[in-house]
C-alpha atoms as a PDB file:
ATOM      1  CA  UNK A   1     -61.879 176.890  80.237  1.00  0.00           C
ATOM      2  CA  UNK A   2     -62.245 175.454  76.754  1.00  0.00           C
ATOM      3  CA  UNK A   3     -59.245 174.576  74.617  1.00  0.00           C
ATOM      4  CA  UNK A   4     -59.752 176.260  71.218  1.00  0.00           C
ATOM      5  CA  UNK A   5     -57.129 174.130  69.493  1.00  0.00           C
ATOM      6  CA  UNK A   6     -58.716 170.922  70.785  1.00  0.00           C
ATOM      7  CA  UNK A   7     -61.989 172.142  69.319  1.00  0.00           C
ATOM      8  CA  UNK A   8     -60.177 172.689  66.015  1.00  0.00           C
ATOM      9  CA  UNK A   9     -58.781 169.174  66.204  1.00  0.00           C
ATOM     10  CA  UNK A  10     -62.154 167.572  66.925  1.00  0.00           C
ATOM     11  CA  UNK A  11     -63.665 169.393  63.954  1.00  0.00           C
ATOM     12  CA  UNK A  12     -60.716 168.380  61.778  1.00  0.00           C
ATOM     13  CA  UNK A  13     -61.192 164.690  62.597  1.00  0.00           C
ATOM     14  CA  UNK A  14     -64.737 164.860  61.219  1.00  0.00           C
ATOM     15  CA  UNK A  15     -63.614 166.657  58.065  1.00  0.00           C
ATOM     16  CA  UNK A  16     -60.801 164.126  57.609  1.00  0.00           C
ATOM     17  CA  UNK A  17     -63.270 161.244  57.784  1.00  0.00           C
ATOM     18  CA  UNK A  18     -65.281 162.836  54.971  1.00  0.00           C
ATOM     19  CA  UNK A  19     -62.119 163.323  52.940  1.00  0.00           C
ATOM     20  CA  UNK A  20     -61.147 159.690  53.467  1.00  0.00           C
ATOM     21  CA  UNK A  21     -64.540 158.530  52.257  1.00  0.00           C
ATOM     22  CA  UNK A  22     -64.101 160.642  49.127  1.00  0.00           C
ATOM     23  CA  UNK A  23     -60.782 158.891  48.458  1.00  0.00           C
ATOM     24  CA  UNK A  24     -62.278 155.432  49.005  1.00  0.00           C
ATOM     25  CA  UNK A  25     -65.118 156.258  46.640  1.00  0.00           C
ATOM     26  CA  UNK A  26     -62.648 157.471  44.010  1.00  0.00           C
ATOM     27  CA  UNK A  27     -60.713 154.205  44.208  1.00  0.00           C
ATOM     28  CA  UNK A  28     -63.797 152.458  42.852  1.00  0.00           C
ATOM     29  CA  UNK A  29     -63.777 154.590  39.690  1.00  0.00           C
ATOM     30  CA  UNK A  30     -61.432 155.419  36.818  1.00  0.00           C
ATOM     31  CA  UNK A  31     -58.614 157.679  37.973  1.00  0.00           C
ATOM     32  CA  UNK A  32     -57.633 160.701  35.881  1.00  0.00           C
ATOM     33  CA  UNK A  33     -53.873 161.271  36.168  1.00  0.00           C
ATOM     34  CA  UNK A  34     -51.896 164.458  35.489  1.00  0.00           C
ATOM     35  CA  UNK A  35     -48.227 165.362  35.913  1.00  0.00           C
ATOM     36  CA  UNK A  36     -46.774 168.209  37.990  1.00  0.00           C
ATOM     37  CA  UNK A  37     -42.999 168.798  38.108  1.00  0.00           C
ATOM     38  CA  UNK A  38     -41.991 165.536  36.381  1.00  0.00           C
ATOM     39  CA  UNK A  39     -43.430 162.347  34.841  1.00  0.00           C
ATOM     40  CA  UNK A  40     -43.246 160.682  38.291  1.00  0.00           C
ATOM     41  CA  UNK A  41     -44.749 163.630  40.228  1.00  0.00           C
ATOM     42  CA  UNK A  42     -48.432 162.835  39.809  1.00  0.00           C
ATOM     43  CA  UNK A  43     -51.674 164.552  40.711  1.00  0.00           C
ATOM     44  CA  UNK A  44     -55.265 163.448  40.227  1.00  0.00           C
ATOM     45  CA  UNK A  45     -58.657 165.105  40.275  1.00  0.00           C
ATOM     46  CA  UNK A  46     -59.173 163.454  43.650  1.00  0.00           C
ATOM     47  CA  UNK A  47     -56.163 165.275  45.159  1.00  0.00           C
ATOM     48  CA  UNK A  48     -57.683 168.568  44.076  1.00  0.00           C
ATOM     49  CA  UNK A  49     -61.258 167.767  45.109  1.00  0.00           C
ATOM     50  CA  UNK A  50     -60.239 166.460  48.528  1.00  0.00           C
ATOM     51  CA  UNK A  51     -58.150 169.566  49.219  1.00  0.00           C
ATOM     52  CA  UNK A  52     -61.054 171.775  48.178  1.00  0.00           C
ATOM     53  CA  UNK A  53     -63.367 169.865  50.535  1.00  0.00           C
ATOM     54  CA  UNK A  54     -60.970 170.206  53.463  1.00  0.00           C
ATOM     55  CA  UNK A  55     -60.111 173.879  52.980  1.00  0.00           C
ATOM     56  CA  UNK A  56     -63.674 175.009  52.265  1.00  0.00           C
ATOM     57  CA  UNK A  57     -65.008 173.132  55.303  1.00  0.00           C
ATOM     58  CA  UNK A  58     -62.370 174.529  57.663  1.00  0.00           C
ATOM     59  CA  UNK A  59     -62.440 178.042  56.209  1.00  0.00           C
ATOM     60  CA  UNK A  60     -66.201 178.240  56.716  1.00  0.00           C
ATOM     61  CA  UNK A  61     -65.745 177.560  60.443  1.00  0.00           C
ATOM     62  CA  UNK A  62     -62.407 179.369  60.920  1.00  0.00           C
ATOM     63  CA  UNK A  63     -62.323 182.176  58.335  1.00  0.00           C
ATOM     64  CA  UNK A  64     -59.304 183.969  59.848  1.00  0.00           C
ATOM     65  CA  UNK A  65     -56.994 180.941  59.731  1.00  0.00           C
ATOM     66  CA  UNK A  66     -54.263 180.399  57.142  1.00  0.00           C
ATOM     67  CA  UNK A  67     -53.698 177.391  54.884  1.00  0.00           C
ATOM     68  CA  UNK A  68     -50.807 175.657  53.157  1.00  0.00           C
ATOM     69  CA  UNK A  69     -52.135 172.934  50.871  1.00  0.00           C
ATOM     70  CA  UNK A  70     -50.121 170.801  48.474  1.00  0.00           C
ATOM     71  CA  UNK A  71     -52.379 171.358  45.491  1.00  0.00           C
ATOM     72  CA  UNK A  72     -52.914 175.037  46.263  1.00  0.00           C
ATOM     73  CA  UNK A  73     -49.135 175.543  46.281  1.00  0.00           C
ATOM     74  CA  UNK A  74     -48.829 173.604  43.020  1.00  0.00           C
ATOM     75  CA  UNK A  75     -51.372 176.036  41.552  1.00  0.00           C
ATOM     76  CA  UNK A  76     -49.277 179.026  42.625  1.00  0.00           C
ATOM     77  CA  UNK A  77     -50.259 179.767  46.232  1.00  0.00           C
ATOM     78  CA  UNK A  78     -47.344 180.625  48.574  1.00  0.00           C
ATOM     79  CA  UNK A  79     -45.850 178.060  50.932  1.00  0.00           C
ATOM     80  CA  UNK A  80     -44.995 180.396  53.796  1.00  0.00           C
ATOM     81  CA  UNK A  81     -45.423 179.497  57.453  1.00  0.00           C
ATOM     82  CA  UNK A  82     -46.336 182.454  59.692  1.00  0.00           C
ATOM     83  CA  UNK A  83     -47.313 182.814  63.354  1.00  0.00           C
ATOM     84  CA  UNK A  84     -51.012 182.719  62.411  1.00  0.00           C
ATOM     85  CA  UNK A  85     -53.069 179.584  63.089  1.00  0.00           C
ATOM     86  CA  UNK A  86     -52.226 177.539  59.989  1.00  0.00           C
ATOM     87  CA  UNK A  87     -53.599 174.313  58.544  1.00  0.00           C
ATOM     88  CA  UNK A  88     -50.989 172.349  56.574  1.00  0.00           C
ATOM     89  CA  UNK A  89     -52.726 169.872  54.297  1.00  0.00           C
ATOM     90  CA  UNK A  90     -51.771 166.936  52.117  1.00  0.00           C
ATOM     91  CA  UNK A  91     -55.121 165.775  50.721  1.00  0.00           C
ATOM     92  CA  UNK A  92     -53.810 162.498  49.280  1.00  0.00           C
ATOM     93  CA  UNK A  93     -50.438 161.553  50.722  1.00  0.00           C
ATOM     94  CA  UNK A  94     -49.256 158.728  48.514  1.00  0.00           C
ATOM     95  CA  UNK A  95     -50.740 159.842  45.193  1.00  0.00           C
ATOM     96  CA  UNK A  96     -48.700 157.296  43.237  1.00  0.00           C
ATOM     97  CA  UNK A  97     -50.015 154.593  45.566  1.00  0.00           C
ATOM     98  CA  UNK A  98     -53.528 155.912  44.963  1.00  0.00           C
ATOM     99  CA  UNK A  99     -53.053 155.809  41.181  1.00  0.00           C
ATOM    100  CA  UNK A 100     -51.972 152.163  41.402  1.00  0.00           C
ATOM    101  CA  UNK A 101     -54.507 151.339  44.113  1.00  0.00           C
ATOM    102  CA  UNK A 102     -51.637 150.369  46.399  1.00  0.00           C
ATOM    103  CA  UNK A 103     -53.359 150.561  49.773  1.00  0.00           C
ATOM    104  CA  UNK A 104     -51.153 153.036  51.673  1.00  0.00           C
ATOM    105  CA  UNK A 105     -52.906 156.344  51.074  1.00  0.00           C
ATOM    106  CA  UNK A 106     -53.539 158.997  53.699  1.00  0.00           C
ATOM    107  CA  UNK A 107     -55.104 162.345  54.413  1.00  0.00           C
ATOM    108  CA  UNK A 108     -52.545 164.319  56.423  1.00  0.00           C
ATOM    109  CA  UNK A 109     -53.271 167.557  58.291  1.00  0.00           C
ATOM    110  CA  UNK A 110     -51.080 169.446  60.737  1.00  0.00           C
ATOM    111  CA  UNK A 111     -52.097 172.580  62.610  1.00  0.00           C
ATOM    112  CA  UNK A 112     -49.579 175.175  63.779  1.00  0.00           C
ATOM    113  CA  UNK A 113     -49.784 178.291  65.949  1.00  0.00           C
ATOM    114  CA  UNK A 114     -46.760 180.582  66.122  1.00  0.00           C
ATOM    115  CA  UNK A 115     -44.996 177.993  63.928  1.00  0.00           C
ATOM    116  CA  UNK A 116     -45.413 175.271  66.575  1.00  0.00           C
ATOM    117  CA  UNK A 117     -47.376 172.135  65.711  1.00  0.00           C
ATOM    118  CA  UNK A 118     -50.386 171.955  68.035  1.00  0.00           C
ATOM    119  CA  UNK A 119     -51.891 168.774  66.617  1.00  0.00           C
ATOM    120  CA  UNK A 120     -51.669 166.353  63.738  1.00  0.00           C
ATOM    121  CA  UNK A 121     -54.079 163.971  62.063  1.00  0.00           C
ATOM    122  CA  UNK A 122     -53.142 161.229  59.595  1.00  0.00           C
ATOM    123  CA  UNK A 123     -55.947 159.071  58.245  1.00  0.00           C
ATOM    124  CA  UNK A 124     -54.946 155.884  56.442  1.00  0.00           C
ATOM    125  CA  UNK A 125     -58.262 155.730  54.672  1.00  0.00           C
ATOM    126  CA  UNK A 126     -57.983 152.313  52.998  1.00  0.00           C
ATOM    127  CA  UNK A 127     -56.939 150.703  56.281  1.00  0.00           C
ATOM    128  CA  UNK A 128     -59.406 152.914  58.200  1.00  0.00           C
ATOM    129  CA  UNK A 129     -56.718 153.869  60.720  1.00  0.00           C
ATOM    130  CA  UNK A 130     -57.013 157.362  62.215  1.00  0.00           C
ATOM    131  CA  UNK A 131     -53.778 158.555  63.811  1.00  0.00           C
ATOM    132  CA  UNK A 132     -54.186 161.612  66.054  1.00  0.00           C
ATOM    133  CA  UNK A 133     -51.913 163.594  68.326  1.00  0.00           C
ATOM    134  CA  UNK A 134     -52.420 166.752  70.390  1.00  0.00           C
ATOM    135  CA  UNK A 135     -49.361 168.507  71.805  1.00  0.00           C
ATOM    136  CA  UNK A 136     -48.654 167.186  75.299  1.00  0.00           C
ATOM    137  CA  UNK A 137     -51.518 164.684  75.261  1.00  0.00           C
ATOM    138  CA  UNK A 138     -50.100 161.616  73.535  1.00  0.00           C
ATOM    139  CA  UNK A 139     -50.605 159.842  70.228  1.00  0.00           C
ATOM    140  CA  UNK A 140     -53.409 157.477  69.267  1.00  0.00           C
ATOM    141  CA  UNK A 141     -54.559 155.151  66.504  1.00  0.00           C
ATOM    142  CA  UNK A 142     -58.334 154.791  66.394  1.00  0.00           C
ATOM    143  CA  UNK A 143     -58.392 156.074  69.964  1.00  0.00           C
ATOM    144  CA  UNK A 144     -55.877 153.545  71.315  1.00  0.00           C
ATOM    145  CA  UNK A 145     -52.576 154.984  72.676  1.00  0.00           C
ATOM    146  CA  UNK A 146     -49.486 154.234  70.591  1.00  0.00           C
ATOM    147  CA  UNK A 147     -45.766 154.378  71.376  1.00  0.00           C
ATOM    148  CA  UNK A 148     -42.546 153.948  69.422  1.00  0.00           C
ATOM    149  CA  UNK A 149     -40.703 150.632  69.750  1.00  0.00           C
ATOM    150  CA  UNK A 150     -37.911 152.123  71.849  1.00  0.00           C
ATOM    151  CA  UNK A 151     -35.373 150.067  69.883  1.00  0.00           C
ATOM    152  CA  UNK A 152     -31.817 151.247  70.594  1.00  0.00           C
ATOM    153  CA  UNK A 153     -29.857 148.865  68.368  1.00  0.00           C
ATOM    154  CA  UNK A 154     -29.911 149.846  64.712  1.00  0.00           C
ATOM    155  CA  UNK A 155     -28.880 146.318  63.661  1.00  0.00           C
ATOM    156  CA  UNK A 156     -32.240 145.131  64.988  1.00  0.00           C
ATOM    157  CA  UNK A 157     -34.255 147.860  63.303  1.00  0.00           C
ATOM    158  CA  UNK A 158     -36.559 148.267  60.330  1.00  0.00           C
ATOM    159  CA  UNK A 159     -35.784 151.507  58.467  1.00  0.00           C
ATOM    160  CA  UNK A 160     -38.134 153.335  56.118  1.00  0.00           C
ATOM    161  CA  UNK A 161     -37.305 155.761  53.328  1.00  0.00           C
ATOM    162  CA  UNK A 162     -38.673 156.723  49.920  1.00  0.00           C
ATOM    163  CA  UNK A 163     -37.036 156.417  46.510  1.00  0.00           C
ATOM    164  CA  UNK A 164     -38.006 158.096  43.254  1.00  0.00           C
ATOM    165  CA  UNK A 165     -36.380 159.019  39.978  1.00  0.00           C
ATOM    166  CA  UNK A 166     -34.215 162.157  40.020  1.00  0.00           C
ATOM    167  CA  UNK A 167     -33.004 163.894  36.866  1.00  0.00           C
ATOM    168  CA  UNK A 168     -29.784 164.973  38.569  1.00  0.00           C
ATOM    169  CA  UNK A 169     -27.467 161.953  38.349  1.00  0.00           C
ATOM    170  CA  UNK A 170     -25.436 162.856  41.436  1.00  0.00           C
ATOM    171  CA  UNK A 171     -28.504 163.218  43.653  1.00  0.00           C
ATOM    172  CA  UNK A 172     -29.978 160.025  42.203  1.00  0.00           C
ATOM    173  CA  UNK A 173     -26.801 158.068  42.921  1.00  0.00           C
ATOM    174  CA  UNK A 174     -26.525 159.516  46.429  1.00  0.00           C
ATOM    175  CA  UNK A 175     -30.099 158.444  47.196  1.00  0.00           C
ATOM    176  CA  UNK A 176     -29.301 154.876  46.093  1.00  0.00           C
ATOM    177  CA  UNK A 177     -25.933 154.869  47.898  1.00  0.00           C
ATOM    178  CA  UNK A 178     -27.642 155.857  51.148  1.00  0.00           C
ATOM    179  CA  UNK A 179     -29.929 152.833  50.912  1.00  0.00           C
ATOM    180  CA  UNK A 180     -26.936 150.561  50.302  1.00  0.00           C
ATOM    181  CA  UNK A 181     -25.121 152.102  53.276  1.00  0.00           C
ATOM    182  CA  UNK A 182     -28.074 151.553  55.624  1.00  0.00           C
ATOM    183  CA  UNK A 183     -28.567 147.970  54.444  1.00  0.00           C
ATOM    184  CA  UNK A 184     -24.864 147.291  54.959  1.00  0.00           C
ATOM    185  CA  UNK A 185     -24.828 148.302  58.648  1.00  0.00           C
ATOM    186  CA  UNK A 186     -26.706 145.828  58.579  1.00  0.00           C
ATOM    187  CA  UNK A 187     -30.343 146.465  59.520  1.00  0.00           C
ATOM    188  CA  UNK A 188     -33.257 144.052  59.420  1.00  0.00           C
ATOM    189  CA  UNK A 189     -34.521 145.750  56.289  1.00  0.00           C
ATOM    190  CA  UNK A 190     -35.327 148.949  54.404  1.00  0.00           C
ATOM    191  CA  UNK A 191     -38.884 149.528  53.209  1.00  0.00           C
ATOM    192  CA  UNK A 192     -40.613 152.184  51.076  1.00  0.00           C
ATOM    193  CA  UNK A 193     -44.376 152.163  51.713  1.00  0.00           C
ATOM    194  CA  UNK A 194     -44.951 155.257  49.553  1.00  0.00           C
ATOM    195  CA  UNK A 195     -46.543 157.698  52.019  1.00  0.00           C
ATOM    196  CA  UNK A 196     -44.397 159.992  54.129  1.00  0.00           C
ATOM    197  CA  UNK A 197     -47.153 160.594  56.660  1.00  0.00           C
ATOM    198  CA  UNK A 198     -47.826 156.884  57.096  1.00  0.00           C
ATOM    199  CA  UNK A 199     -44.105 156.135  57.332  1.00  0.00           C
ATOM    200  CA  UNK A 200     -43.994 158.467  60.315  1.00  0.00           C
ATOM    201  CA  UNK A 201     -47.026 156.785  61.855  1.00  0.00           C
ATOM    202  CA  UNK A 202     -45.477 153.345  61.346  1.00  0.00           C
ATOM    203  CA  UNK A 203     -42.527 154.499  63.451  1.00  0.00           C
ATOM    204  CA  UNK A 204     -44.909 156.078  65.958  1.00  0.00           C
ATOM    205  CA  UNK A 205     -46.758 152.811  66.532  1.00  0.00           C
ATOM    206  CA  UNK A 206     -43.615 150.649  66.663  1.00  0.00           C
ATOM    207  CA  UNK A 207     -43.995 148.828  63.331  1.00  0.00           C
ATOM    208  CA  UNK A 208     -40.762 150.429  62.110  1.00  0.00           C
ATOM    209  CA  UNK A 209     -37.858 151.948  64.002  1.00  0.00           C
ATOM    210  CA  UNK A 210     -36.701 154.834  61.807  1.00  0.00           C
ATOM    211  CA  UNK A 211     -37.509 156.891  58.728  1.00  0.00           C
ATOM    212  CA  UNK A 212     -35.365 159.332  56.793  1.00  0.00           C
ATOM    213  CA  UNK A 213     -36.183 161.446  53.753  1.00  0.00           C
ATOM    214  CA  UNK A 214     -34.778 164.358  51.770  1.00  0.00           C
ATOM    215  CA  UNK A 215     -37.068 166.194  49.362  1.00  0.00           C
ATOM    216  CA  UNK A 216     -40.454 166.091  51.065  1.00  0.00           C
ATOM    217  CA  UNK A 217     -42.559 169.127  51.939  1.00  0.00           C
ATOM    218  CA  UNK A 218     -44.187 170.579  55.046  1.00  0.00           C
ATOM    219  CA  UNK A 219     -47.547 169.031  54.117  1.00  0.00           C
ATOM    220  CA  UNK A 220     -45.916 165.588  54.049  1.00  0.00           C
ATOM    221  CA  UNK A 221     -44.450 166.066  57.521  1.00  0.00           C
ATOM    222  CA  UNK A 222     -46.774 168.226  59.636  1.00  0.00           C
ATOM    223  CA  UNK A 223     -49.385 165.665  60.640  1.00  0.00           C
ATOM    224  CA  UNK A 224     -46.948 162.805  61.160  1.00  0.00           C
ATOM    225  CA  UNK A 225     -44.469 164.964  63.077  1.00  0.00           C
ATOM    226  CA  UNK A 226     -47.087 165.547  65.757  1.00  0.00           C
ATOM    227  CA  UNK A 227     -47.929 161.842  65.939  1.00  0.00           C
ATOM    228  CA  UNK A 228     -44.355 160.583  66.199  1.00  0.00           C
ATOM    229  CA  UNK A 229     -43.371 163.252  68.740  1.00  0.00           C
ATOM    230  CA  UNK A 230     -46.309 162.444  70.998  1.00  0.00           C
ATOM    231  CA  UNK A 231     -45.564 158.724  70.619  1.00  0.00           C
ATOM    232  CA  UNK A 232     -42.134 159.310  72.171  1.00  0.00           C
ATOM    233  CA  UNK A 233     -40.084 159.334  68.978  1.00  0.00           C
ATOM    234  CA  UNK A 234     -37.054 161.422  68.085  1.00  0.00           C
ATOM    235  CA  UNK A 235     -37.334 163.874  65.196  1.00  0.00           C
ATOM    236  CA  UNK A 236     -34.469 165.929  63.792  1.00  0.00           C
ATOM    237  CA  UNK A 237     -32.927 167.392  60.689  1.00  0.00           C
ATOM    238  CA  UNK A 238     -30.961 165.056  58.440  1.00  0.00           C
ATOM    239  CA  UNK A 239     -27.801 166.844  59.667  1.00  0.00           C
ATOM    240  CA  UNK A 240     -28.609 166.069  63.300  1.00  0.00           C
ATOM    241  CA  UNK A 241     -29.769 169.603  64.040  1.00  0.00           C
ATOM    242  CA  UNK A 242     -33.259 170.658  65.169  1.00  0.00           C
ATOM    243  CA  UNK A 243     -36.201 169.624  63.012  1.00  0.00           C
ATOM    244  CA  UNK A 244     -37.449 172.401  60.731  1.00  0.00           C
ATOM    245  CA  UNK A 245     -40.909 171.873  59.253  1.00  0.00           C
ATOM    246  CA  UNK A 246     -40.031 173.962  56.205  1.00  0.00           C
ATOM    247  CA  UNK A 247     -36.639 172.340  55.520  1.00  0.00           C
ATOM    248  CA  UNK A 248     -37.885 169.480  53.291  1.00  0.00           C
ATOM    249  CA  UNK A 249     -35.882 166.834  55.125  1.00  0.00           C
ATOM    250  CA  UNK A 250     -35.953 164.833  58.338  1.00  0.00           C
ATOM    251  CA  UNK A 251     -34.918 161.813  60.358  1.00  0.00           C
ATOM    252  CA  UNK A 252     -37.281 160.212  62.842  1.00  0.00           C
ATOM    253  CA  UNK A 253     -36.428 157.274  65.051  1.00  0.00           C
ATOM    254  CA  UNK A 254     -37.532 155.213  68.012  1.00  0.00           C
ATOM    255  CA  UNK A 255     -34.483 156.352  69.973  1.00  0.00           C
ATOM    256  CA  UNK A 256     -31.740 158.956  69.942  1.00  0.00           C
ATOM    257  CA  UNK A 257     -29.155 156.206  69.403  1.00  0.00           C
ATOM    258  CA  UNK A 258     -30.693 155.137  66.096  1.00  0.00           C
ATOM    259  CA  UNK A 259     -31.257 158.724  64.959  1.00  0.00           C
ATOM    260  CA  UNK A 260     -27.619 159.626  65.675  1.00  0.00           C
ATOM    261  CA  UNK A 261     -26.376 156.584  63.767  1.00  0.00           C
ATOM    262  CA  UNK A 262     -28.445 157.554  60.724  1.00  0.00           C
ATOM    263  CA  UNK A 263     -27.039 161.084  60.856  1.00  0.00           C
ATOM    264  CA  UNK A 264     -23.560 159.558  60.758  1.00  0.00           C
ATOM    265  CA  UNK A 265     -24.315 157.221  57.842  1.00  0.00           C
ATOM    266  CA  UNK A 266     -26.496 159.300  55.503  1.00  0.00           C
ATOM    267  CA  UNK A 267     -24.941 161.521  52.849  1.00  0.00           C
ATOM    268  CA  UNK A 268     -26.846 164.745  52.295  1.00  0.00           C
ATOM    269  CA  UNK A 269     -27.741 166.129  48.882  1.00  0.00           C
ATOM    270  CA  UNK A 270     -29.349 169.443  47.911  1.00  0.00           C
ATOM    271  CA  UNK A 271     -33.078 169.143  47.445  1.00  0.00           C
ATOM    272  CA  UNK A 272     -34.260 169.725  43.886  1.00  0.00           C
ATOM    273  CA  UNK A 273     -37.577 170.714  42.349  1.00  0.00           C
ATOM    274  CA  UNK A 274     -38.268 167.137  41.209  1.00  0.00           C
ATOM    275  CA  UNK A 275     -37.673 165.671  44.685  1.00  0.00           C
ATOM    276  CA  UNK A 276     -40.685 164.208  46.478  1.00  0.00           C
END
C-alpha cells in the first residue's frame, strides 16, 4: 500500500530544489529590498517569487490541500492551522542573510495532517545541504542519516539563538540578558547563524547542542521541528511545556538535561509584532 504523505514529500523535495536554484540565481543579481513590520523585518522580490513557485507547484498537484506561507500571511492571508493537510512554507528563511549574501539561507517546508507534522524539508541552498525527515523514519542530510550530539552537560555545549532589534525596551533588554545568562553558566559559546530552520538542523546533525527562540513563526519552525525530532532531539515550549507549532517560541536540545537547564535559565517575554 502506497504512503500518500511520502509521495507528497518526494514531490516536495523536487520543488524545493527548484526553489533553491531560484535563490542561488537571485544571489548573483541586484537584490530589491522592502520592509514589513519594521526596518529590520525585510522582504525581497525573491521571497515572494519563491513562495509563488512553491505554492503554485504544490497546489497544481494537490488542489485540496491548505497552505500557510510567510509572504502570503504578510499580504493578509490567515495563519490558521487546521486538521486539513497543510503545507507550512518559509520561502527564504534568513532573508537578512540573503540580503547581505551571508551564506546561511534556506527553503523550509513542513507538512501537517490533523495538526501533526508528517514531514519536514530544509534546504540550505548555498551550502547545497538538503535536510529531510519523515515521521518515524529518521532524519537525513543529503541522504545520510543524522543524529543529535547527545550532549548532556550544558557547560560543554554550543547554544544557538537569534537576536534582533525590538522597539519595546523591556523585551529588548530581556533578550540581551538571556544571552548573558547562558554565557555565564558557562557554555562553550552562543551563536546566531540567522536562520531558524538551519539552527534547528545544526542541532539535529550535532554541530550545536541547543537552540532557543521567542518570536518566530510556524513557518520558521515546521520543517526544522520534523528534522530535529527525527534526529533524536528534544523539542519543547520555552516554559518547559509541550511544543506548540503556533506558539512562536521553542527550545530544542540534544538532551532533556540541557533543555531543562535552559528552561530554568531563560526569562520569558511576551512576543510582539516586531519579533522575528
